[in-house]
Amino acid sequence: MNYVTACITVFNDGDDELIVRARGNAINTAVDMVQLLRNRFLKTVEIKDIKIGGEQVTNDEGQKWTLPTIEVTIVKDGRQK
């Protein structure tokens, strides 16, 4: 709910577009937050774009792997320009 509140604050401060970025296990939280924002709080918010990708990370042992990432661009009042 803290993320939803933060997004509402950004939109209420006058911004018309917001980019939500997440990686790894936080992707579920980001998607849930965008859906909650759209369906329960700001029904005029629409998804403008979704980008998925990967980010190479290295752990303490030196092993490398690709961590999934997501970027969701949302716009207020259907402004998709």
PDB file of N, CA and C in Angstrom:
ATOM      1  N   MET A   1       0.821  -1.205   0.000  1.00  0.00           N
ATOM      2  CA  MET A   1       0.000   0.000   0.000  1.00  0.00           C
ATOM      3  C   MET A   1       0.861   1.263   0.000  1.00  0.00           C
ATOM      4  N   ASN A   2       2.070   1.199   0.532  1.00  0.00           N
ATOM      5  CA  ASN A   2       2.944   2.371   0.526  1.00  0.00           C
ATOM      6  C   ASN A   2       3.267   2.802  -0.904  1.00  0.00           C
ATOM      7  N   TYR A   3       3.461   1.841  -1.791  1.00  0.00           N
ATOM      8  CA  TYR A   3       3.764   2.160  -3.184  1.00  0.00           C
ATOM      9  C   TYR A   3       2.547   2.790  -3.865  1.00  0.00           C
ATOM     10  N   VAL A   4       1.371   2.275  -3.579  1.00  0.00           N
ATOM     11  CA  VAL A   4       0.144   2.835  -4.152  1.00  0.00           C
ATOM     12  C   VAL A   4      -0.017   4.279  -3.686  1.00  0.00           C
ATOM     13  N   THR A   5       0.183   4.516  -2.415  1.00  0.00           N
ATOM     14  CA  THR A   5       0.082   5.862  -1.861  1.00  0.00           C
ATOM     15  C   THR A   5       1.094   6.800  -2.506  1.00  0.00           C
ATOM     16  N   ALA A   6       2.305   6.314  -2.720  1.00  0.00           N
ATOM     17  CA  ALA A   6       3.340   7.131  -3.359  1.00  0.00           C
ATOM     18  C   ALA A   6       2.947   7.489  -4.791  1.00  0.00           C
ATOM     19  N   CYS A   7       2.384   6.558  -5.520  1.00  0.00           N
ATOM     20  CA  CYS A   7       1.951   6.817  -6.898  1.00  0.00           C
ATOM     21  C   CYS A   7       0.813   7.829  -6.930  1.00  0.00           C
ATOM     22  N   ILE A   8      -0.140   7.683  -6.035  1.00  0.00           N
ATOM     23  CA  ILE A   8      -1.250   8.639  -5.956  1.00  0.00           C
ATOM     24  C   ILE A   8      -0.710  10.034  -5.669  1.00  0.00           C
ATOM     25  N   THR A   9       0.264  10.137  -4.775  1.00  0.00           N
ATOM     26  CA  THR A   9       0.872  11.416  -4.445  1.00  0.00           C
ATOM     27  C   THR A   9       1.544  12.039  -5.657  1.00  0.00           C
ATOM     28  N   VAL A  10       2.263  11.232  -6.433  1.00  0.00           N
ATOM     29  CA  VAL A  10       2.930  11.737  -7.636  1.00  0.00           C
ATOM     30  C   VAL A  10       1.900  12.284  -8.620  1.00  0.00           C
ATOM     31  N   PHE A  11       0.834  11.541  -8.853  1.00  0.00           N
ATOM     32  CA  PHE A  11      -0.197  12.008  -9.764  1.00  0.00           C
ATOM     33  C   PHE A  11      -0.908  13.255  -9.226  1.00  0.00           C
ATOM     34  N   ASN A  12      -1.166  13.308  -7.937  1.00  0.00           N
ATOM     35  CA  ASN A  12      -1.826  14.474  -7.347  1.00  0.00           C
ATOM     36  C   ASN A  12      -0.940  15.713  -7.371  1.00  0.00           C
ATOM     37  N   ASP A  13       0.381  15.518  -7.425  1.00  0.00           N
ATOM     38  CA  ASP A  13       1.316  16.640  -7.504  1.00  0.00           C
ATOM     39  C   ASP A  13       1.411  17.219  -8.916  1.00  0.00           C
ATOM     40  N   GLY A  14       0.685  16.638  -9.875  1.00  0.00           N
ATOM     41  CA  GLY A  14       0.631  17.215 -11.200  1.00  0.00           C
ATOM     42  C   GLY A  14       1.284  16.420 -12.306  1.00  0.00           C
ATOM     43  N   ASP A  15       1.997  15.364 -11.981  1.00  0.00           N
ATOM     44  CA  ASP A  15       2.606  14.538 -13.025  1.00  0.00           C
ATOM     45  C   ASP A  15       1.542  13.708 -13.717  1.00  0.00           C
ATOM     46  N   ASP A  16       1.679  13.555 -15.040  1.00  0.00           N
ATOM     47  CA  ASP A  16       0.718  12.783 -15.816  1.00  0.00           C
ATOM     48  C   ASP A  16       1.233  11.400 -16.183  1.00  0.00           C
ATOM     49  N   GLU A  17       2.522  11.151 -15.961  1.00  0.00           N
ATOM     50  CA  GLU A  17       3.125   9.873 -16.344  1.00  0.00           C
ATOM     51  C   GLU A  17       4.048   9.395 -15.235  1.00  0.00           C
ATOM     52  N   LEU A  18       4.078   8.085 -15.033  1.00  0.00           N
ATOM     53  CA  LEU A  18       4.890   7.483 -13.987  1.00  0.00           C
ATOM     54  C   LEU A  18       5.438   6.163 -14.495  1.00  0.00           C
ATOM     55  N   ILE A  19       6.704   5.902 -14.206  1.00  0.00           N
ATOM     56  CA  ILE A  19       7.325   4.642 -14.595  1.00  0.00           C
ATOM     57  C   ILE A  19       7.594   3.826 -13.338  1.00  0.00           C
ATOM     58  N   VAL A  20       7.047   2.613 -13.313  1.00  0.00           N
ATOM     59  CA  VAL A  20       7.249   1.684 -12.196  1.00  0.00           C
ATOM     60  C   VAL A  20       8.269   0.647 -12.654  1.00  0.00           C
ATOM     61  N   ARG A  21       9.391   0.552 -11.940  1.00  0.00           N
ATOM     62  CA  ARG A  21      10.438  -0.402 -12.289  1.00  0.00           C
ATOM     63  C   ARG A  21      10.630  -1.389 -11.149  1.00  0.00           C
ATOM     64  N   ALA A  22      10.868  -2.641 -11.527  1.00  0.00           N
ATOM     65  CA  ALA A  22      11.112  -3.672 -10.514  1.00  0.00           C
ATOM     66  C   ALA A  22      11.985  -4.757 -11.126  1.00  0.00           C
ATOM     67  N   ARG A  23      12.636  -5.520 -10.268  1.00  0.00           N
ATOM     68  CA  ARG A  23      13.421  -6.650 -10.739  1.00  0.00           C
ATOM     69  C   ARG A  23      13.302  -7.804  -9.751  1.00  0.00           C
ATOM     70  N   GLY A  24      13.508  -9.002 -10.269  1.00  0.00           N
ATOM     71  CA  GLY A  24      13.462 -10.199  -9.436  1.00  0.00           C
ATOM     72  C   GLY A  24      12.099 -10.425  -8.811  1.00  0.00           C
ATOM     73  N   ASN A  25      12.123 -10.786  -7.540  1.00  0.00           N
ATOM     74  CA  ASN A  25      10.880 -11.093  -6.822  1.00  0.00           C
ATOM     75  C   ASN A  25       9.970  -9.877  -6.643  1.00  0.00           C
ATOM     76  N   ALA A  26      10.508  -8.680  -6.790  1.00  0.00           N
ATOM     77  CA  ALA A  26       9.698  -7.466  -6.634  1.00  0.00           C
ATOM     78  C   ALA A  26       8.771  -7.233  -7.821  1.00  0.00           C
ATOM     79  N   ILE A  27       8.953  -7.979  -8.917  1.00  0.00           N
ATOM     80  CA  ILE A  27       8.082  -7.824 -10.086  1.00  0.00           C
ATOM     81  C   ILE A  27       6.630  -8.098  -9.710  1.00  0.00           C
ATOM     82  N   ASN A  28       6.392  -9.126  -8.920  1.00  0.00           N
ATOM     83  CA  ASN A  28       5.018  -9.437  -8.476  1.00  0.00           C
ATOM     84  C   ASN A  28       4.400  -8.259  -7.739  1.00  0.00           C
ATOM     85  N   THR A  29       5.173  -7.641  -6.863  1.00  0.00           N
ATOM     86  CA  THR A  29       4.685  -6.500  -6.096  1.00  0.00           C
ATOM     87  C   THR A  29       4.356  -5.334  -7.017  1.00  0.00           C
ATOM     88  N   ALA A  30       5.213  -5.070  -8.005  1.00  0.00           N
ATOM     89  CA  ALA A  30       4.996  -3.962  -8.923  1.00  0.00           C
ATOM     90  C   ALA A  30       3.729  -4.172  -9.746  1.00  0.00           C
ATOM     91  N   VAL A  31       3.542  -5.380 -10.266  1.00  0.00           N
ATOM     92  CA  VAL A  31       2.345  -5.671 -11.070  1.00  0.00           C
ATOM     93  C   VAL A  31       1.091  -5.559 -10.210  1.00  0.00           C
ATOM     94  N   ASP A  32       1.117  -6.119  -9.003  1.00  0.00           N
ATOM     95  CA  ASP A  32      -0.030  -6.014  -8.091  1.00  0.00           C
ATOM     96  C   ASP A  32      -0.342  -4.561  -7.766  1.00  0.00           C
ATOM     97  N   MET A  33       0.697  -3.753  -7.552  1.00  0.00           N
ATOM     98  CA  MET A  33       0.515  -2.361  -7.203  1.00  0.00           C
ATOM     99  C   MET A  33      -0.137  -1.593  -8.350  1.00  0.00           C
ATOM    100  N   VAL A  34       0.319  -1.813  -9.572  1.00  0.00           N
ATOM    101  CA  VAL A  34      -0.267  -1.124 -10.725  1.00  0.00           C
ATOM    102  C   VAL A  34      -1.734  -1.535 -10.897  1.00  0.00           C
ATOM    103  N   GLN A  35      -2.019  -2.808 -10.753  1.00  0.00           N
ATOM    104  CA  GLN A  35      -3.407  -3.277 -10.883  1.00  0.00           C
ATOM    105  C   GLN A  35      -4.292  -2.684  -9.786  1.00  0.00           C
ATOM    106  N   LEU A  36      -3.799  -2.656  -8.566  1.00  0.00           N
ATOM    107  CA  LEU A  36      -4.551  -2.083  -7.451  1.00  0.00           C
ATOM    108  C   LEU A  36      -4.802  -0.594  -7.683  1.00  0.00           C
ATOM    109  N   LEU A  37      -3.795   0.103  -8.151  1.00  0.00           N
ATOM    110  CA  LEU A  37      -3.929   1.526  -8.432  1.00  0.00           C
ATOM    111  C   LEU A  37      -4.991   1.763  -9.505  1.00  0.00           C
ATOM    112  N   ARG A  38      -4.944   0.977 -10.586  1.00  0.00           N
ATOM    113  CA  ARG A  38      -5.882   1.136 -11.707  1.00  0.00           C
ATOM    114  C   ARG A  38      -7.306   0.728 -11.350  1.00  0.00           C
ATOM    115  N   ASN A  39      -7.462  -0.349 -10.616  1.00  0.00           N
ATOM    116  CA  ASN A  39      -8.795  -0.913 -10.395  1.00  0.00           C
ATOM    117  C   ASN A  39      -9.518  -0.394  -9.156  1.00  0.00           C
ATOM    118  N   ARG A  40      -8.785   0.167  -8.193  1.00  0.00           N
ATOM    119  CA  ARG A  40      -9.454   0.559  -6.954  1.00  0.00           C
ATOM    120  C   ARG A  40      -9.302   2.027  -6.589  1.00  0.00           C
ATOM    121  N   PHE A  41      -8.210   2.662  -7.028  1.00  0.00           N
ATOM    122  CA  PHE A  41      -7.953   4.021  -6.547  1.00  0.00           C
ATOM    123  C   PHE A  41      -8.047   5.085  -7.636  1.00  0.00           C
ATOM    124  N   LEU A  42      -7.375   4.909  -8.735  1.00  0.00           N
ATOM    125  CA  LEU A  42      -7.389   5.886  -9.818  1.00  0.00           C
ATOM    126  C   LEU A  42      -7.834   5.193 -11.094  1.00  0.00           C
ATOM    127  N   LYS A  43      -9.107   5.154 -11.294  1.00  0.00           N
ATOM    128  CA  LYS A  43      -9.652   4.412 -12.438  1.00  0.00           C
ATOM    129  C   LYS A  43      -9.322   5.059 -13.779  1.00  0.00           C
ATOM    130  N   THR A  44      -8.816   6.291 -13.760  1.00  0.00           N
ATOM    131  CA  THR A  44      -8.438   6.962 -15.005  1.00  0.00           C
ATOM    132  C   THR A  44      -7.005   6.647 -15.426  1.00  0.00           C
ATOM    133  N   VAL A  45      -6.272   5.900 -14.626  1.00  0.00           N
ATOM    134  CA  VAL A  45      -4.889   5.544 -14.951  1.00  0.00           C
ATOM    135  C   VAL A  45      -4.890   4.388 -15.951  1.00  0.00           C
ATOM    136  N   GLU A  46      -4.076   4.532 -16.997  1.00  0.00           N
ATOM    137  CA  GLU A  46      -3.952   3.488 -18.009  1.00  0.00           C
ATOM    138  C   GLU A  46      -2.493   3.092 -18.182  1.00  0.00           C
ATOM    139  N   ILE A  47      -2.282   1.875 -18.614  1.00  0.00           N
ATOM    140  CA  ILE A  47      -0.933   1.401 -18.915  1.00  0.00           C
ATOM    141  C   ILE A  47      -0.566   1.880 -20.312  1.00  0.00           C
ATOM    142  N   LYS A  48       0.523   2.607 -20.419  1.00  0.00           N
ATOM    143  CA  LYS A  48       0.996   3.125 -21.700  1.00  0.00           C
ATOM    144  C   LYS A  48       1.972   2.149 -22.346  1.00  0.00           C
ATOM    145  N   ASP A  49       2.862   1.546 -21.548  1.00  0.00           N
ATOM    146  CA  ASP A  49       3.895   0.682 -22.102  1.00  0.00           C
ATOM    147  C   ASP A  49       4.383  -0.283 -21.026  1.00  0.00           C
ATOM    148  N   ILE A  50       4.791  -1.465 -21.476  1.00  0.00           N
ATOM    149  CA  ILE A  50       5.400  -2.453 -20.593  1.00  0.00           C
ATOM    150  C   ILE A  50       6.665  -2.959 -21.277  1.00  0.00           C
ATOM    151  N   LYS A  51       7.771  -2.902 -20.566  1.00  0.00           N
ATOM    152  CA  LYS A  51       9.038  -3.418 -21.085  1.00  0.00           C
ATOM    153  C   LYS A  51       9.553  -4.473 -20.117  1.00  0.00           C
ATOM    154  N   ILE A  52      10.001  -5.589 -20.668  1.00  0.00           N
ATOM    155  CA  ILE A  52      10.609  -6.622 -19.835  1.00  0.00           C
ATOM    156  C   ILE A  52      12.030  -6.851 -20.320  1.00  0.00           C
ATOM    157  N   GLY A  53      12.870  -7.290 -19.426  1.00  0.00           N
ATOM    158  CA  GLY A  53      14.260  -7.512 -19.793  1.00  0.00           C
ATOM    159  C   GLY A  53      14.992  -8.257 -18.695  1.00  0.00           C
ATOM    160  N   GLY A  54      16.288  -8.120 -18.713  1.00  0.00           N
ATOM    161  CA  GLY A  54      17.121  -8.780 -17.723  1.00  0.00           C
ATOM    162  C   GLY A  54      18.313  -7.910 -17.380  1.00  0.00           C
ATOM    163  N   GLU A  55      18.818  -8.108 -16.178  1.00  0.00           N
ATOM    164  CA  GLU A  55      19.969  -7.359 -15.687  1.00  0.00           C
ATOM    165  C   GLU A  55      20.983  -8.353 -15.136  1.00  0.00           C
ATOM    166  N   GLN A  56      22.203  -8.267 -15.613  1.00  0.00           N
ATOM    167  CA  GLN A  56      23.226  -9.205 -15.162  1.00  0.00           C
ATOM    168  C   GLN A  56      23.729  -8.782 -13.785  1.00  0.00           C
ATOM    169  N   VAL A  57      23.701  -9.723 -12.850  1.00  0.00           N
ATOM    170  CA  VAL A  57      24.166  -9.465 -11.484  1.00  0.00           C
ATOM    171  C   VAL A  57      25.200 -10.521 -11.094  1.00  0.00           C
ATOM    172  N   THR A  58      26.040 -10.150 -10.136  1.00  0.00           N
ATOM    173  CA  THR A  58      27.066 -11.060  -9.625  1.00  0.00           C
ATOM    174  C   THR A  58      26.894 -11.172  -8.121  1.00  0.00           C
ATOM    175  N   ASN A  59      26.868 -12.414  -7.596  1.00  0.00           N
ATOM    176  CA  ASN A  59      26.725 -12.594  -6.153  1.00  0.00           C
ATOM    177  C   ASN A  59      28.100 -12.525  -5.473  1.00  0.00           C
ATOM    178  N   ASP A  60      28.131 -12.734  -4.174  1.00  0.00           N
ATOM    179  CA  ASP A  60      29.376 -12.626  -3.400  1.00  0.00           C
ATOM    180  C   ASP A  60      30.415 -13.661  -3.809  1.00  0.00           C
ATOM    181  N   GLU A  61      29.973 -14.793  -4.337  1.00  0.00           N
ATOM    182  CA  GLU A  61      30.899 -15.842  -4.753  1.00  0.00           C
ATOM    183  C   GLU A  61      31.414 -15.628  -6.180  1.00  0.00           C
ATOM    184  N   GLY A  62      30.974 -14.585  -6.835  1.00  0.00           N
ATOM    185  CA  GLY A  62      31.420 -14.304  -8.188  1.00  0.00           C
ATOM    186  C   GLY A  62      30.577 -14.941  -9.283  1.00  0.00           C
ATOM    187  N   GLN A  63      29.491 -15.605  -8.918  1.00  0.00           N
ATOM    188  CA  GLN A  63      28.610 -16.204  -9.920  1.00  0.00           C
ATOM    189  C   GLN A  63      27.742 -15.128 -10.556  1.00  0.00           C
ATOM    190  N   LYS A  64      27.590 -15.236 -11.877  1.00  0.00           N
ATOM    191  CA  LYS A  64      26.767 -14.267 -12.607  1.00  0.00           C
ATOM    192  C   LYS A  64      25.490 -14.936 -13.087  1.00  0.00           C
ATOM    193  N   TRP A  65      24.412 -14.191 -13.065  1.00  0.00           N
ATOM    194  CA  TRP A  65      23.160 -14.651 -13.630  1.00  0.00           C
ATOM    195  C   TRP A  65      22.339 -13.442 -14.047  1.00  0.00           C
ATOM    196  N   THR A  66      21.305 -13.694 -14.823  1.00  0.00           N
ATOM    197  CA  THR A  66      20.442 -12.623 -15.297  1.00  0.00           C
ATOM    198  C   THR A  66      19.197 -12.558 -14.433  1.00  0.00           C
ATOM    199  N   LEU A  67      18.970 -11.385 -13.870  1.00  0.00           N
ATOM    200  CA  LEU A  67      17.809 -11.141 -13.024  1.00  0.00           C
ATOM    201  C   LEU A  67      16.725 -10.492 -13.888  1.00  0.00           C
ATOM    202  N   PRO A  68      15.491 -11.034 -13.901  1.00  0.00           N
ATOM    203  CA  PRO A  68      14.437 -10.450 -14.731  1.00  0.00           C
ATOM    204  C   PRO A  68      14.054  -9.057 -14.239  1.00  0.00           C
ATOM    205  N   THR A  69      13.690  -8.183 -15.190  1.00  0.00           N
ATOM    206  CA  THR A  69      13.270  -6.825 -14.865  1.00  0.00           C
ATOM    207  C   THR A  69      11.979  -6.492 -15.603  1.00  0.00           C
ATOM    208  N   ILE A  70      11.241  -5.525 -15.056  1.00  0.00           N
ATOM    209  CA  ILE A  70      10.029  -5.027 -15.715  1.00  0.00           C
ATOM    210  C   ILE A  70       9.966  -3.516 -15.515  1.00  0.00           C
ATOM    211  N   GLU A  71       9.436  -2.837 -16.517  1.00  0.00           N
ATOM    212  CA  GLU A  71       9.216  -1.400 -16.449  1.00  0.00           C
ATOM    213  C   GLU A  71       7.821  -1.131 -17.004  1.00  0.00           C
ATOM    214  N   VAL A  72       6.944  -0.604 -16.170  1.00  0.00           N
ATOM    215  CA  VAL A  72       5.563  -0.328 -16.563  1.00  0.00           C
ATOM    216  C   VAL A  72       5.360   1.184 -16.532  1.00  0.00           C
ATOM    217  N   THR A  73       4.995   1.747 -17.685  1.00  0.00           N
ATOM    218  CA  THR A  73       4.713   3.175 -17.774  1.00  0.00           C
ATOM    219  C   THR A  73       3.201   3.352 -17.683  1.00  0.00           C
ATOM    220  N   ILE A  74       2.763   4.146 -16.705  1.00  0.00           N
ATOM    221  CA  ILE A  74       1.340   4.402 -16.530  1.00  0.00           C
ATOM    222  C   ILE A  74       1.087   5.891 -16.702  1.00  0.00           C
ATOM    223  N   VAL A  75      -0.080   6.215 -17.262  1.00  0.00           N
ATOM    224  CA  VAL A  75      -0.453   7.610 -17.500  1.00  0.00           C
ATOM    225  C   VAL A  75      -1.806   7.900 -16.866  1.00  0.00           C
ATOM    226  N   LYS A  76      -1.951   9.126 -16.430  1.00  0.00           N
ATOM    227  CA  LYS A  76      -3.196   9.562 -15.791  1.00  0.00           C
ATOM    228  C   LYS A  76      -4.142  10.113 -16.852  1.00  0.00           C
ATOM    229  N   ASP A  77      -5.410   9.853 -16.694  1.00  0.00           N
ATOM    230  CA  ASP A  77      -6.465  10.381 -17.564  1.00  0.00           C
ATOM    231  C   ASP A  77      -6.324   9.933 -19.000  1.00  0.00           C
ATOM    232  N   GLY A  78      -5.710   8.791 -19.239  1.00  0.00           N
ATOM    233  CA  GLY A  78      -5.623   8.241 -20.570  1.00  0.00           C
ATOM    234  C   GLY A  78      -4.754   9.016 -21.528  1.00  0.00           C
ATOM    235  N   ARG A  79      -3.834   9.814 -21.041  1.00  0.00           N
ATOM    236  CA  ARG A  79      -2.936  10.590 -21.912  1.00  0.00           C
ATOM    237  C   ARG A  79      -1.808   9.702 -22.395  1.00  0.00           C
ATOM    238  N   GLN A  80      -1.968   9.155 -23.574  1.00  0.00           N
ATOM    239  CA  GLN A  80      -0.988   8.212 -24.115  1.00  0.00           C
ATOM    240  C   GLN A  80      -0.217   8.837 -25.266  1.00  0.00           C
ATOM    241  N   LYS A  81       0.345   9.993 -25.068  1.00  0.00           N
ATOM    242  CA  LYS A  81       1.106  10.681 -26.109  1.00  0.00           C
ATOM    243  C   LYS A  81       2.578  10.493 -25.899  1.00  0.00           C
TER     244      LYS A  81
END
